[in-house]
Amino acid sequence: MANDCVQKNEINDLKIENIVIDDPCKDEQDAAVNECLSNGCSEKEAFYFGAVAWGNCMKELSIRA
């Protein structure tokens, strides 16, 4: 299988489709983005602020599982 995916340090383009039914951390992410924007963050800063909140939420969920 590995030879099918990697040849001469090149990775073949495998199209993998993931369907996300529910994102349990979306509310936390949106709240963080909105808080950052209301405090004067740029769109890019707010995006990363939301990403951190989403990552922390996902980590917390994985610890509970």
N, C-alpha and C. Protein backbone atom coordinates (compact mmCIF):
# COMPACT_ATOMS: atom_id res chain seq x y z
N MET A 1 0.83 -1.20 0.00
CA MET A 1 0.00 0.00 0.00
C MET A 1 0.87 1.26 0.00
N ALA A 2 1.95 1.24 0.78
CA ALA A 2 2.79 2.43 0.86
C ALA A 2 3.38 2.78 -0.50
N ASN A 3 3.71 1.76 -1.29
CA ASN A 3 4.27 2.04 -2.61
C ASN A 3 3.25 2.68 -3.53
N ASP A 4 1.96 2.41 -3.31
CA ASP A 4 0.92 3.03 -4.12
C ASP A 4 0.80 4.52 -3.82
N CYS A 5 1.11 4.92 -2.60
CA CYS A 5 0.94 6.31 -2.18
C CYS A 5 2.18 7.16 -2.39
N VAL A 6 3.35 6.58 -2.15
CA VAL A 6 4.58 7.38 -2.18
C VAL A 6 5.57 6.73 -3.14
N GLN A 7 6.01 7.50 -4.10
CA GLN A 7 7.03 7.04 -5.03
C GLN A 7 8.03 8.17 -5.23
N LYS A 8 9.28 7.89 -4.98
CA LYS A 8 10.34 8.87 -5.18
C LYS A 8 10.02 10.20 -4.48
N ASN A 9 9.64 10.13 -3.22
CA ASN A 9 9.33 11.30 -2.40
C ASN A 9 8.18 12.13 -2.93
N GLU A 10 7.30 11.55 -3.72
CA GLU A 10 6.13 12.25 -4.21
C GLU A 10 4.88 11.56 -3.68
N ILE A 11 3.94 12.34 -3.28
CA ILE A 11 2.68 11.80 -2.78
C ILE A 11 1.64 11.93 -3.88
N ASN A 12 1.02 10.82 -4.21
CA ASN A 12 -0.05 10.85 -5.21
C ASN A 12 -1.25 11.58 -4.64
N ASP A 13 -1.98 12.23 -5.51
CA ASP A 13 -3.16 12.97 -5.09
C ASP A 13 -4.32 12.01 -4.86
N LEU A 14 -4.55 11.66 -3.61
CA LEU A 14 -5.66 10.79 -3.25
C LEU A 14 -6.81 11.67 -2.80
N LYS A 15 -7.92 11.54 -3.45
CA LYS A 15 -9.07 12.37 -3.10
C LYS A 15 -9.85 11.68 -1.98
N ILE A 16 -9.82 12.28 -0.82
CA ILE A 16 -10.52 11.75 0.34
C ILE A 16 -11.62 12.74 0.70
N GLU A 17 -12.81 12.23 0.86
CA GLU A 17 -13.94 13.10 1.18
C GLU A 17 -14.41 12.79 2.60
N ASN A 18 -14.42 13.80 3.42
CA ASN A 18 -14.95 13.67 4.78
C ASN A 18 -16.23 14.47 4.86
N ILE A 19 -17.23 13.87 5.41
CA ILE A 19 -18.50 14.56 5.59
C ILE A 19 -18.65 14.84 7.08
N VAL A 20 -18.69 16.12 7.43
CA VAL A 20 -18.85 16.51 8.82
C VAL A 20 -20.33 16.73 9.09
N ILE A 21 -20.86 15.92 9.96
CA ILE A 21 -22.28 16.02 10.28
C ILE A 21 -22.52 17.07 11.36
N ASP A 22 -21.64 17.11 12.33
CA ASP A 22 -21.81 18.03 13.45
C ASP A 22 -20.44 18.53 13.89
N ASP A 23 -20.36 19.80 14.20
CA ASP A 23 -19.12 20.37 14.71
C ASP A 23 -19.41 20.89 16.11
N PRO A 24 -19.07 20.10 17.13
CA PRO A 24 -19.42 20.48 18.50
C PRO A 24 -18.69 21.73 19.00
N CYS A 25 -17.68 22.18 18.28
CA CYS A 25 -16.90 23.33 18.74
C CYS A 25 -17.17 24.59 17.92
N LYS A 26 -18.13 24.53 17.03
CA LYS A 26 -18.43 25.68 16.16
C LYS A 26 -18.88 26.90 16.96
N ASP A 27 -19.69 26.69 17.99
CA ASP A 27 -20.16 27.82 18.80
C ASP A 27 -19.00 28.53 19.50
N GLU A 28 -18.07 27.74 20.06
CA GLU A 28 -16.91 28.32 20.73
C GLU A 28 -16.04 29.09 19.73
N GLN A 29 -15.88 28.53 18.54
CA GLN A 29 -15.09 29.19 17.51
C GLN A 29 -15.73 30.51 17.10
N ASP A 30 -17.03 30.49 16.85
CA ASP A 30 -17.74 31.71 16.44
C ASP A 30 -17.68 32.77 17.52
N ALA A 31 -17.84 32.35 18.78
CA ALA A 31 -17.79 33.31 19.89
C ALA A 31 -16.41 33.96 19.98
N ALA A 32 -15.36 33.16 19.79
CA ALA A 32 -14.00 33.69 19.86
C ALA A 32 -13.74 34.67 18.72
N VAL A 33 -14.20 34.33 17.52
CA VAL A 33 -14.03 35.22 16.37
C VAL A 33 -14.75 36.54 16.62
N ASN A 34 -15.99 36.46 17.07
CA ASN A 34 -16.77 37.67 17.32
C ASN A 34 -16.17 38.52 18.43
N GLU A 35 -15.66 37.88 19.48
CA GLU A 35 -15.02 38.62 20.57
C GLU A 35 -13.78 39.36 20.06
N CYS A 36 -12.99 38.67 19.27
CA CYS A 36 -11.78 39.29 18.73
C CYS A 36 -12.13 40.47 17.83
N LEU A 37 -13.11 40.28 16.95
CA LEU A 37 -13.51 41.37 16.05
C LEU A 37 -14.05 42.56 16.83
N SER A 38 -14.79 42.30 17.90
CA SER A 38 -15.35 43.40 18.69
C SER A 38 -14.26 44.15 19.46
N ASN A 39 -13.10 43.52 19.64
CA ASN A 39 -11.98 44.17 20.32
C ASN A 39 -10.99 44.79 19.34
N GLY A 40 -11.37 44.85 18.06
CA GLY A 40 -10.54 45.54 17.08
C GLY A 40 -9.58 44.67 16.29
N CYS A 41 -9.71 43.36 16.37
CA CYS A 41 -8.84 42.48 15.59
C CYS A 41 -9.16 42.60 14.11
N SER A 42 -8.17 42.30 13.29
CA SER A 42 -8.42 42.20 11.86
C SER A 42 -9.11 40.87 11.58
N GLU A 43 -9.60 40.70 10.35
CA GLU A 43 -10.24 39.44 9.97
C GLU A 43 -9.28 38.26 10.12
N LYS A 44 -8.02 38.47 9.72
CA LYS A 44 -7.02 37.39 9.83
C LYS A 44 -6.74 37.04 11.28
N GLU A 45 -6.58 38.05 12.13
CA GLU A 45 -6.35 37.78 13.55
C GLU A 45 -7.53 37.04 14.15
N ALA A 46 -8.74 37.45 13.80
CA ALA A 46 -9.94 36.81 14.33
C ALA A 46 -10.02 35.36 13.87
N PHE A 47 -9.63 35.10 12.62
CA PHE A 47 -9.63 33.73 12.11
C PHE A 47 -8.74 32.85 12.97
N TYR A 48 -7.52 33.30 13.25
CA TYR A 48 -6.59 32.50 14.04
C TYR A 48 -7.03 32.40 15.50
N PHE A 49 -7.61 33.45 16.03
CA PHE A 49 -8.15 33.42 17.39
C PHE A 49 -9.24 32.36 17.47
N GLY A 50 -10.11 32.31 16.47
CA GLY A 50 -11.15 31.29 16.42
C GLY A 50 -10.59 29.89 16.25
N ALA A 51 -9.53 29.77 15.47
CA ALA A 51 -8.90 28.46 15.26
C ALA A 51 -8.32 27.92 16.56
N VAL A 52 -7.73 28.78 17.36
CA VAL A 52 -7.18 28.36 18.65
C VAL A 52 -8.31 27.90 19.56
N ALA A 53 -9.40 28.65 19.60
CA ALA A 53 -10.54 28.26 20.43
C ALA A 53 -11.11 26.92 19.98
N TRP A 54 -11.21 26.72 18.67
CA TRP A 54 -11.71 25.47 18.13
C TRP A 54 -10.79 24.31 18.51
N GLY A 55 -9.48 24.52 18.36
CA GLY A 55 -8.50 23.48 18.71
C GLY A 55 -8.54 23.13 20.19
N ASN A 56 -8.65 24.14 21.04
CA ASN A 56 -8.73 23.88 22.48
C ASN A 56 -9.98 23.10 22.83
N CYS A 57 -11.09 23.45 22.19
CA CYS A 57 -12.35 22.74 22.41
C CYS A 57 -12.23 21.29 21.98
N MET A 58 -11.67 21.05 20.80
CA MET A 58 -11.52 19.68 20.31
C MET A 58 -10.60 18.87 21.22
N LYS A 59 -9.54 19.50 21.73
CA LYS A 59 -8.64 18.80 22.64
C LYS A 59 -9.38 18.42 23.92
N GLU A 60 -10.19 19.33 24.43
CA GLU A 60 -10.96 19.06 25.64
C GLU A 60 -11.94 17.91 25.40
N LEU A 61 -12.58 17.89 24.25
CA LEU A 61 -13.51 16.81 23.93
C LEU A 61 -12.79 15.47 23.83
N SER A 62 -11.59 15.45 23.27
CA SER A 62 -10.86 14.20 23.13
C SER A 62 -10.37 13.69 24.48
N ILE A 63 -10.11 14.60 25.41
CA ILE A 63 -9.69 14.18 26.75
C ILE A 63 -10.86 13.52 27.48
N ARG A 64 -12.06 14.06 27.28
CA ARG A 64 -13.25 13.51 27.93
C ARG A 64 -13.65 12.15 27.37
N ALA A 65 -13.31 11.90 26.12
CA ALA A 65 -13.77 10.66 25.45
C ALA A 65 -13.06 9.43 25.93
